[in-house]
Amino acid sequence: MNGLLVDAMAAAPETATPLETVAHALDAAGREVFTPARREFIARRQAVIAANPELREREALKNLALIASMAEALKRRGVPDLTARVASELGALASTIAFERWNQTTGGDDFSGIARRALADVQASTAVC
């Protein structure tokens, strides 16, 4: 999935802010990974991961690699290091929240819309911290 997100970030409009670029990547994840056709498989996969400490650890490491990949993609777009790191962390948090919300729906909601709302929620939360 790292490659998919990095490619989507590279394809984001040049005028996109760092978080808009991250949102572009989350849209790609919704189109390609978190689809209605894959919902049942993803739910089963998540249940297996949740029940296995080693798989949870592996998933956490994959998430760290994803954050690093997104930060590098933002830096290639000229985003300063700290801003790229923060935007990537916020994007990963939004992705996690979106996945949890999407996984709890009955199938009618698309991941991209949920992810954009989660990213907006995360961004709004940073304003009050």
C-alpha atoms as a PDB file:
ATOM      1  CA  MET A   1       0.000   0.000   0.000  1.00  0.00           C
ATOM      2  CA  ASN A   2       2.975   2.309   0.521  1.00  0.00           C
ATOM      3  CA  GLY A   3       3.555   2.546  -3.219  1.00  0.00           C
ATOM      4  CA  LEU A   4      -0.091   3.305  -3.914  1.00  0.00           C
ATOM      5  CA  LEU A   5      -0.156   6.154  -1.392  1.00  0.00           C
ATOM      6  CA  VAL A   6       3.193   7.594  -2.459  1.00  0.00           C
ATOM      7  CA  ASP A   7       2.138   7.533  -6.122  1.00  0.00           C
ATOM      8  CA  ALA A   8      -1.153   9.232  -5.265  1.00  0.00           C
ATOM      9  CA  MET A   9       0.689  11.907  -3.303  1.00  0.00           C
ATOM     10  CA  ALA A  10       3.008  12.538  -6.238  1.00  0.00           C
ATOM     11  CA  ALA A  11      -0.044  12.924  -8.481  1.00  0.00           C
ATOM     12  CA  ALA A  12      -1.746  15.451  -6.187  1.00  0.00           C
ATOM     13  CA  PRO A  13      -2.069  18.965  -7.610  1.00  0.00           C
ATOM     14  CA  GLU A  14       1.040  21.098  -7.115  1.00  0.00           C
ATOM     15  CA  THR A  15      -1.066  23.636  -5.234  1.00  0.00           C
ATOM     16  CA  ALA A  16      -2.246  21.062  -2.675  1.00  0.00           C
ATOM     17  CA  THR A  17      -1.305  21.668   0.944  1.00  0.00           C
ATOM     18  CA  PRO A  18       0.453  18.828   2.786  1.00  0.00           C
ATOM     19  CA  LEU A  19      -2.826  17.606   4.308  1.00  0.00           C
ATOM     20  CA  GLU A  20      -4.636  17.919   0.972  1.00  0.00           C
ATOM     21  CA  THR A  21      -1.869  15.780  -0.498  1.00  0.00           C
ATOM     22  CA  VAL A  22      -2.416  13.212   2.259  1.00  0.00           C
ATOM     23  CA  ALA A  23      -6.167  13.321   1.536  1.00  0.00           C
ATOM     24  CA  HIS A  24      -5.370  12.574  -2.113  1.00  0.00           C
ATOM     25  CA  ALA A  25      -3.549   9.440  -0.917  1.00  0.00           C
ATOM     26  CA  LEU A  26      -6.451   8.403   1.320  1.00  0.00           C
ATOM     27  CA  ASP A  27      -8.782   8.745  -1.672  1.00  0.00           C
ATOM     28  CA  ALA A  28      -6.543   6.341  -3.595  1.00  0.00           C
ATOM     29  CA  ALA A  29      -6.677   3.862  -0.714  1.00  0.00           C
ATOM     30  CA  GLY A  30     -10.457   4.049  -0.832  1.00  0.00           C
ATOM     31  CA  ARG A  31     -10.547   3.420  -4.582  1.00  0.00           C
ATOM     32  CA  GLU A  32      -7.992   0.612  -4.640  1.00  0.00           C
ATOM     33  CA  VAL A  33      -7.833  -1.091  -1.232  1.00  0.00           C
ATOM     34  CA  PHE A  34     -10.822  -0.388   0.992  1.00  0.00           C
ATOM     35  CA  THR A  35     -13.505  -1.268  -1.526  1.00  0.00           C
ATOM     36  CA  PRO A  36     -16.917  -2.863  -1.009  1.00  0.00           C
ATOM     37  CA  ALA A  37     -15.661  -5.994  -2.778  1.00  0.00           C
ATOM     38  CA  ARG A  38     -12.826  -6.376  -0.270  1.00  0.00           C
ATOM     39  CA  ARG A  39     -14.779  -5.414   2.867  1.00  0.00           C
ATOM     40  CA  GLU A  40     -15.417  -8.966   4.093  1.00  0.00           C
ATOM     41  CA  PHE A  41     -11.821 -10.074   3.484  1.00  0.00           C
ATOM     42  CA  ILE A  42     -10.449  -6.987   5.251  1.00  0.00           C
ATOM     43  CA  ALA A  43     -12.731  -7.573   8.258  1.00  0.00           C
ATOM     44  CA  ARG A  44     -11.558 -11.194   8.554  1.00  0.00           C
ATOM     45  CA  ARG A  45      -7.932 -10.127   8.176  1.00  0.00           C
ATOM     46  CA  GLN A  46      -8.338  -7.507  10.891  1.00  0.00           C
ATOM     47  CA  ALA A  47      -9.879 -10.065  13.262  1.00  0.00           C
ATOM     48  CA  VAL A  48      -6.907 -12.386  12.766  1.00  0.00           C
ATOM     49  CA  ILE A  49      -4.450  -9.540  13.382  1.00  0.00           C
ATOM     50  CA  ALA A  50      -6.320  -8.413  16.507  1.00  0.00           C
ATOM     51  CA  ALA A  51      -6.113 -11.922  17.948  1.00  0.00           C
ATOM     52  CA  ASN A  52      -2.377 -12.336  17.381  1.00  0.00           C
ATOM     53  CA  PRO A  53       0.218 -10.198  19.229  1.00  0.00           C
ATOM     54  CA  GLU A  54       2.936 -10.920  16.665  1.00  0.00           C
ATOM     55  CA  LEU A  55       0.709  -9.807  13.812  1.00  0.00           C
ATOM     56  CA  ARG A  56      -0.298  -6.665  15.729  1.00  0.00           C
ATOM     57  CA  GLU A  57       3.390  -5.856  16.143  1.00  0.00           C
ATOM     58  CA  ARG A  58       4.026  -6.441  12.447  1.00  0.00           C
ATOM     59  CA  GLU A  59       1.073  -4.229  11.540  1.00  0.00           C
ATOM     60  CA  ALA A  60       2.445  -1.460  13.784  1.00  0.00           C
ATOM     61  CA  LEU A  61       5.814  -1.677  12.029  1.00  0.00           C
ATOM     62  CA  LYS A  62       4.099  -1.487   8.648  1.00  0.00           C
ATOM     63  CA  ASN A  63       2.272   1.628   9.844  1.00  0.00           C
ATOM     64  CA  LEU A  64       5.579   3.246  10.835  1.00  0.00           C
ATOM     65  CA  ALA A  65       6.983   2.465   7.396  1.00  0.00           C
ATOM     66  CA  LEU A  66       3.885   3.989   5.820  1.00  0.00           C
ATOM     67  CA  ILE A  67       4.316   7.190   7.841  1.00  0.00           C
ATOM     68  CA  ALA A  68       7.964   7.412   6.779  1.00  0.00           C
ATOM     69  CA  SER A  69       7.039   6.842   3.119  1.00  0.00           C
ATOM     70  CA  MET A  70       4.387   9.555   3.221  1.00  0.00           C
ATOM     71  CA  ALA A  71       6.796  11.995   4.884  1.00  0.00           C
ATOM     72  CA  GLU A  72       9.391  11.327   2.181  1.00  0.00           C
ATOM     73  CA  ALA A  73       6.769  11.839  -0.528  1.00  0.00           C
ATOM     74  CA  LEU A  74       5.856  15.198   0.993  1.00  0.00           C
ATOM     75  CA  LYS A  75       9.500  16.239   1.276  1.00  0.00           C
ATOM     76  CA  ARG A  76       9.974  15.432  -2.426  1.00  0.00           C
ATOM     77  CA  ARG A  77       7.195  17.956  -3.042  1.00  0.00           C
ATOM     78  CA  GLY A  78       9.233  20.587  -1.198  1.00  0.00           C
ATOM     79  CA  VAL A  79       7.456  20.355   2.146  1.00  0.00           C
ATOM     80  CA  PRO A  80       9.797  21.114   5.074  1.00  0.00           C
ATOM     81  CA  ASP A  81      10.820  18.077   7.145  1.00  0.00           C
ATOM     82  CA  LEU A  82       8.857  18.852  10.312  1.00  0.00           C
ATOM     83  CA  THR A  83       5.706  19.753   8.392  1.00  0.00           C
ATOM     84  CA  ALA A  84       6.026  16.573   6.323  1.00  0.00           C
ATOM     85  CA  ARG A  85       6.427  14.461   9.445  1.00  0.00           C
ATOM     86  CA  VAL A  86       3.449  16.062  11.201  1.00  0.00           C
ATOM     87  CA  ALA A  87       1.202  15.787   8.138  1.00  0.00           C
ATOM     88  CA  SER A  88       2.185  12.135   7.706  1.00  0.00           C
ATOM     89  CA  GLU A  89       1.461  11.322  11.349  1.00  0.00           C
ATOM     90  CA  LEU A  90      -1.895  13.098  11.145  1.00  0.00           C
ATOM     91  CA  GLY A  91      -2.661  11.250   7.926  1.00  0.00           C
ATOM     92  CA  ALA A  92      -1.848   7.909   9.525  1.00  0.00           C
ATOM     93  CA  LEU A  93      -4.059   8.739  12.515  1.00  0.00           C
ATOM     94  CA  ALA A  94      -6.876   9.768  10.191  1.00  0.00           C
ATOM     95  CA  SER A  95      -6.418   6.559   8.221  1.00  0.00           C
ATOM     96  CA  THR A  96      -6.666   4.470  11.395  1.00  0.00           C
ATOM     97  CA  ILE A  97      -9.784   6.319  12.531  1.00  0.00           C
ATOM     98  CA  ALA A  98     -11.299   6.027   9.060  1.00  0.00           C
ATOM     99  CA  PHE A  99     -10.591   2.304   8.940  1.00  0.00           C
ATOM    100  CA  GLU A 100     -12.263   1.797  12.323  1.00  0.00           C
ATOM    101  CA  ARG A 101     -15.306   3.800  11.215  1.00  0.00           C
ATOM    102  CA  TRP A 102     -15.478   2.113   7.807  1.00  0.00           C
ATOM    103  CA  ASN A 103     -15.160  -1.324   9.397  1.00  0.00           C
ATOM    104  CA  GLN A 104     -18.141  -0.544  11.659  1.00  0.00           C
ATOM    105  CA  THR A 105     -20.436   0.482   8.797  1.00  0.00           C
ATOM    106  CA  THR A 106     -22.732  -1.946   7.059  1.00  0.00           C
ATOM    107  CA  GLY A 107     -21.267  -1.426   3.626  1.00  0.00           C
ATOM    108  CA  GLY A 108     -22.932   1.671   2.230  1.00  0.00           C
ATOM    109  CA  ASP A 109     -20.261   4.216   3.125  1.00  0.00           C
ATOM    110  CA  ASP A 110     -17.176   4.574   0.976  1.00  0.00           C
ATOM    111  CA  PHE A 111     -13.772   4.716   2.636  1.00  0.00           C
ATOM    112  CA  SER A 112     -12.652   7.883   0.860  1.00  0.00           C
ATOM    113  CA  GLY A 113     -15.480   9.972   2.281  1.00  0.00           C
ATOM    114  CA  ILE A 114     -14.996   8.544   5.752  1.00  0.00           C
ATOM    115  CA  ALA A 115     -11.242   9.154   5.512  1.00  0.00           C
ATOM    116  CA  ARG A 116     -11.697  12.784   4.466  1.00  0.00           C
ATOM    117  CA  ARG A 117     -14.063  13.357   7.406  1.00  0.00           C
ATOM    118  CA  ALA A 118     -11.580  11.678   9.759  1.00  0.00           C
ATOM    119  CA  LEU A 119      -8.755  13.854   8.429  1.00  0.00           C
ATOM    120  CA  ALA A 120     -10.893  16.968   8.954  1.00  0.00           C
ATOM    121  CA  ASP A 121     -11.700  15.791  12.505  1.00  0.00           C
ATOM    122  CA  VAL A 122      -8.023  15.208  13.263  1.00  0.00           C
ATOM    123  CA  GLN A 123      -7.081  18.585  11.830  1.00  0.00           C
ATOM    124  CA  ALA A 124      -9.799  20.312  13.881  1.00  0.00           C
ATOM    125  CA  SER A 125      -8.614  18.530  17.016  1.00  0.00           C
ATOM    126  CA  THR A 126      -5.106  19.895  16.591  1.00  0.00           C
ATOM    127  CA  ALA A 127      -6.499  23.418  16.751  1.00  0.00           C
ATOM    128  CA  VAL A 128      -7.620  22.921  20.355  1.00  0.00           C
ATOM    129  CA  CYS A 129      -4.524  21.125  21.627  1.00  0.00           C
END
